[in-house]
Amino acid sequence: QVPLVESGGGLVQAGGSLRLSCAASGRIAGAALRTLSMAWFRQAPGKEREFVAAISRSDSSTYYADSVKGRFALSRDNAKNLVFLQMNSLKPEDTAVYYCAASYGLVRLATERAYDYWGQGTQVTVSS
């Protein structure tokens, strides 16, 4: 069982919006995601997985890749134990599989190695 489950991906036209959700599952199903640093990464066809956004477990500071700043927003719903990635003004170059990740750590949150748990990903396709 995967520890994180993403949802909300799909096909959208350029300029449109999507909201991705991430929920704890499997071996961390009982974990409060607010106690973990959370992130979204993405992997486009033929490219390496790259950092998109992260939120620190300590003070909920958020961090974004330059390519998504001002368009994407990461947030938590602690009551529902969910993490979201609101994606606005989508571009064809945002097309990728988006992965949710969770970390017990506080540093190097833009790097894959910081993360202890991963989801299987959800496909986002932006048409031009």
C-alpha atoms as a PDB file:
ATOM      1  CA  GLN A   1       0.000   0.000   0.000  1.00  0.00           C
ATOM      2  CA  VAL A   2       1.305   3.391  -0.954  1.00  0.00           C
ATOM      3  CA  PRO A   3       1.573   5.816   1.936  1.00  0.00           C
ATOM      4  CA  LEU A   4       0.222   8.815   0.034  1.00  0.00           C
ATOM      5  CA  VAL A   5      -2.593   8.992  -2.478  1.00  0.00           C
ATOM      6  CA  GLU A   6      -2.943  11.817  -4.962  1.00  0.00           C
ATOM      7  CA  SER A   7      -6.113  12.805  -6.778  1.00  0.00           C
ATOM      8  CA  GLY A   8      -7.451  15.633  -8.894  1.00  0.00           C
ATOM      9  CA  GLY A   9      -5.355  15.270 -12.018  1.00  0.00           C
ATOM     10  CA  GLY A  10      -6.842  15.420 -15.466  1.00  0.00           C
ATOM     11  CA  LEU A  11      -6.928  17.157 -18.809  1.00  0.00           C
ATOM     12  CA  VAL A  12      -7.326  20.922 -18.898  1.00  0.00           C
ATOM     13  CA  GLN A  13      -6.853  23.649 -21.487  1.00  0.00           C
ATOM     14  CA  ALA A  14      -4.067  26.154 -21.203  1.00  0.00           C
ATOM     15  CA  GLY A  15      -5.062  28.947 -18.838  1.00  0.00           C
ATOM     16  CA  GLY A  16      -7.278  26.642 -16.818  1.00  0.00           C
ATOM     17  CA  SER A  17      -7.030  25.427 -13.234  1.00  0.00           C
ATOM     18  CA  LEU A  18      -6.824  22.172 -11.339  1.00  0.00           C
ATOM     19  CA  ARG A  19      -6.583  21.326  -7.664  1.00  0.00           C
ATOM     20  CA  LEU A  20      -4.621  18.282  -6.638  1.00  0.00           C
ATOM     21  CA  SER A  21      -5.206  16.582  -3.303  1.00  0.00           C
ATOM     22  CA  CYS A  22      -2.939  14.348  -1.253  1.00  0.00           C
ATOM     23  CA  ALA A  23      -4.113  12.052   1.540  1.00  0.00           C
ATOM     24  CA  ALA A  24      -2.250   9.773   3.922  1.00  0.00           C
ATOM     25  CA  SER A  25      -2.794   6.083   3.339  1.00  0.00           C
ATOM     26  CA  GLY A  26      -1.308   2.684   4.000  1.00  0.00           C
ATOM     27  CA  ARG A  27       1.384   2.612   6.667  1.00  0.00           C
ATOM     28  CA  ILE A  28       0.961   6.306   7.496  1.00  0.00           C
ATOM     29  CA  ALA A  29      -2.820   6.351   7.292  1.00  0.00           C
ATOM     30  CA  GLY A  30      -3.026   7.467  10.915  1.00  0.00           C
ATOM     31  CA  ALA A  31      -0.464  10.235  10.576  1.00  0.00           C
ATOM     32  CA  ALA A  32      -1.439  13.872  10.790  1.00  0.00           C
ATOM     33  CA  LEU A  33       0.010  15.411   7.655  1.00  0.00           C
ATOM     34  CA  ARG A  34       0.371  18.724   9.480  1.00  0.00           C
ATOM     35  CA  THR A  35       3.184  17.095  11.473  1.00  0.00           C
ATOM     36  CA  LEU A  36       5.133  16.352   8.293  1.00  0.00           C
ATOM     37  CA  SER A  37       6.796  18.569   5.756  1.00  0.00           C
ATOM     38  CA  MET A  38       4.900  18.027   2.529  1.00  0.00           C
ATOM     39  CA  ALA A  39       5.795  18.639  -1.079  1.00  0.00           C
ATOM     40  CA  TRP A  40       4.741  18.215  -4.656  1.00  0.00           C
ATOM     41  CA  PHE A  41       7.124  17.116  -7.363  1.00  0.00           C
ATOM     42  CA  ARG A  42       6.442  16.454 -11.021  1.00  0.00           C
ATOM     43  CA  GLN A  43       7.921  14.456 -13.838  1.00  0.00           C
ATOM     44  CA  ALA A  44       7.329  15.290 -17.468  1.00  0.00           C
ATOM     45  CA  PRO A  45       7.881  12.707 -20.220  1.00  0.00           C
ATOM     46  CA  GLY A  46      11.572  12.212 -20.885  1.00  0.00           C
ATOM     47  CA  LYS A  47      12.614  14.457 -18.008  1.00  0.00           C
ATOM     48  CA  GLU A  48      13.763  13.973 -14.454  1.00  0.00           C
ATOM     49  CA  ARG A  49      11.432  14.518 -11.572  1.00  0.00           C
ATOM     50  CA  GLU A  50      11.538  18.119 -10.358  1.00  0.00           C
ATOM     51  CA  PHE A  51      10.482  20.068  -7.304  1.00  0.00           C
ATOM     52  CA  VAL A  52       7.261  22.079  -7.495  1.00  0.00           C
ATOM     53  CA  ALA A  53       6.286  23.224  -4.000  1.00  0.00           C
ATOM     54  CA  ALA A  54       6.786  22.398  -0.324  1.00  0.00           C
ATOM     55  CA  ILE A  55       5.461  23.343   3.094  1.00  0.00           C
ATOM     56  CA  SER A  56       7.510  23.043   6.257  1.00  0.00           C
ATOM     57  CA  ARG A  57       6.152  21.110   9.213  1.00  0.00           C
ATOM     58  CA  SER A  58       7.654  23.596  11.639  1.00  0.00           C
ATOM     59  CA  ASP A  59       6.081  26.911  10.680  1.00  0.00           C
ATOM     60  CA  SER A  60       4.140  26.100   7.501  1.00  0.00           C
ATOM     61  CA  SER A  61       6.483  28.204   5.399  1.00  0.00           C
ATOM     62  CA  THR A  62       5.940  27.474   1.726  1.00  0.00           C
ATOM     63  CA  TYR A  63       8.481  27.206  -1.049  1.00  0.00           C
ATOM     64  CA  TYR A  64       7.943  27.154  -4.792  1.00  0.00           C
ATOM     65  CA  ALA A  65       9.892  26.462  -7.926  1.00  0.00           C
ATOM     66  CA  ASP A  66      10.421  29.617  -9.946  1.00  0.00           C
ATOM     67  CA  SER A  67       8.451  28.115 -12.817  1.00  0.00           C
ATOM     68  CA  VAL A  68       5.237  27.963 -10.759  1.00  0.00           C
ATOM     69  CA  LYS A  69       5.533  30.984  -8.462  1.00  0.00           C
ATOM     70  CA  GLY A  70       2.448  33.134  -8.591  1.00  0.00           C
ATOM     71  CA  ARG A  71       0.435  30.409 -10.306  1.00  0.00           C
ATOM     72  CA  PHE A  72       0.472  27.464  -7.879  1.00  0.00           C
ATOM     73  CA  ALA A  73      -0.385  27.431  -4.193  1.00  0.00           C
ATOM     74  CA  LEU A  74       0.206  24.657  -1.675  1.00  0.00           C
ATOM     75  CA  SER A  75      -2.068  24.459   1.350  1.00  0.00           C
ATOM     76  CA  ARG A  76      -3.232  22.117   4.082  1.00  0.00           C
ATOM     77  CA  ASP A  77      -6.660  21.280   5.461  1.00  0.00           C
ATOM     78  CA  ASN A  78      -5.739  19.987   8.889  1.00  0.00           C
ATOM     79  CA  ALA A  79      -9.296  19.045   9.764  1.00  0.00           C
ATOM     80  CA  LYS A  80      -9.518  16.770   6.723  1.00  0.00           C
ATOM     81  CA  ASN A  81      -5.870  15.766   6.876  1.00  0.00           C
ATOM     82  CA  LEU A  82      -5.309  16.738   3.272  1.00  0.00           C
ATOM     83  CA  VAL A  83      -2.707  18.704   1.377  1.00  0.00           C
ATOM     84  CA  PHE A  84      -3.621  20.559  -1.788  1.00  0.00           C
ATOM     85  CA  LEU A  85      -1.869  22.008  -4.772  1.00  0.00           C
ATOM     86  CA  GLN A  86      -3.986  24.668  -6.446  1.00  0.00           C
ATOM     87  CA  MET A  87      -2.749  25.160  -9.981  1.00  0.00           C
ATOM     88  CA  ASN A  88      -3.904  28.225 -11.921  1.00  0.00           C
ATOM     89  CA  SER A  89      -2.969  29.667 -15.293  1.00  0.00           C
ATOM     90  CA  LEU A  90      -1.794  26.261 -16.409  1.00  0.00           C
ATOM     91  CA  LYS A  91       0.571  25.982 -19.341  1.00  0.00           C
ATOM     92  CA  PRO A  92       1.329  23.046 -21.656  1.00  0.00           C
ATOM     93  CA  GLU A  93       4.760  22.821 -20.029  1.00  0.00           C
ATOM     94  CA  ASP A  94       3.035  21.980 -16.733  1.00  0.00           C
ATOM     95  CA  THR A  95       2.049  18.629 -18.233  1.00  0.00           C
ATOM     96  CA  ALA A  96       3.525  15.922 -16.026  1.00  0.00           C
ATOM     97  CA  VAL A  97       2.812  13.270 -13.453  1.00  0.00           C
ATOM     98  CA  TYR A  98       2.517  15.060 -10.114  1.00  0.00           C
ATOM     99  CA  TYR A  99       3.724  13.330  -6.965  1.00  0.00           C
ATOM    100  CA  CYS A 100       2.959  14.077  -3.345  1.00  0.00           C
ATOM    101  CA  ALA A 101       5.765  13.498  -0.833  1.00  0.00           C
ATOM    102  CA  ALA A 102       6.103  13.629   2.950  1.00  0.00           C
ATOM    103  CA  SER A 103       9.139  14.205   5.123  1.00  0.00           C
ATOM    104  CA  TYR A 104       9.964  14.110   8.824  1.00  0.00           C
ATOM    105  CA  GLY A 105      12.660  16.687   8.100  1.00  0.00           C
ATOM    106  CA  LEU A 106      12.916  20.435   7.875  1.00  0.00           C
ATOM    107  CA  VAL A 107      15.800  21.076   5.512  1.00  0.00           C
ATOM    108  CA  ARG A 108      16.514  20.735   1.817  1.00  0.00           C
ATOM    109  CA  LEU A 109      12.807  20.459   1.159  1.00  0.00           C
ATOM    110  CA  ALA A 110      13.318  21.058  -2.562  1.00  0.00           C
ATOM    111  CA  THR A 111      15.284  17.834  -2.898  1.00  0.00           C
ATOM    112  CA  GLU A 112      13.842  14.358  -3.378  1.00  0.00           C
ATOM    113  CA  ARG A 113      16.191  12.845  -0.817  1.00  0.00           C
ATOM    114  CA  ALA A 114      14.509  14.840   1.958  1.00  0.00           C
ATOM    115  CA  TYR A 115      11.320  12.816   1.603  1.00  0.00           C
ATOM    116  CA  ASP A 116      10.405   9.604   3.354  1.00  0.00           C
ATOM    117  CA  TYR A 117       7.111   8.781   1.682  1.00  0.00           C
ATOM    118  CA  TRP A 118       5.788   9.132  -1.849  1.00  0.00           C
ATOM    119  CA  GLY A 119       2.541   8.655  -3.691  1.00  0.00           C
ATOM    120  CA  GLN A 120       2.117   6.971  -7.037  1.00  0.00           C
ATOM    121  CA  GLY A 121       1.336  10.194  -8.844  1.00  0.00           C
ATOM    122  CA  THR A 122      -1.524  11.732 -10.766  1.00  0.00           C
ATOM    123  CA  GLN A 123      -1.389  12.778 -14.400  1.00  0.00           C
ATOM    124  CA  VAL A 124      -1.919  16.416 -15.331  1.00  0.00           C
ATOM    125  CA  THR A 125      -2.209  17.203 -19.024  1.00  0.00           C
ATOM    126  CA  VAL A 126      -2.506  20.774 -20.275  1.00  0.00           C
ATOM    127  CA  SER A 127      -3.552  21.191 -23.888  1.00  0.00           C
ATOM    128  CA  SER A 128      -2.614  24.229 -25.940  1.00  0.00           C
END
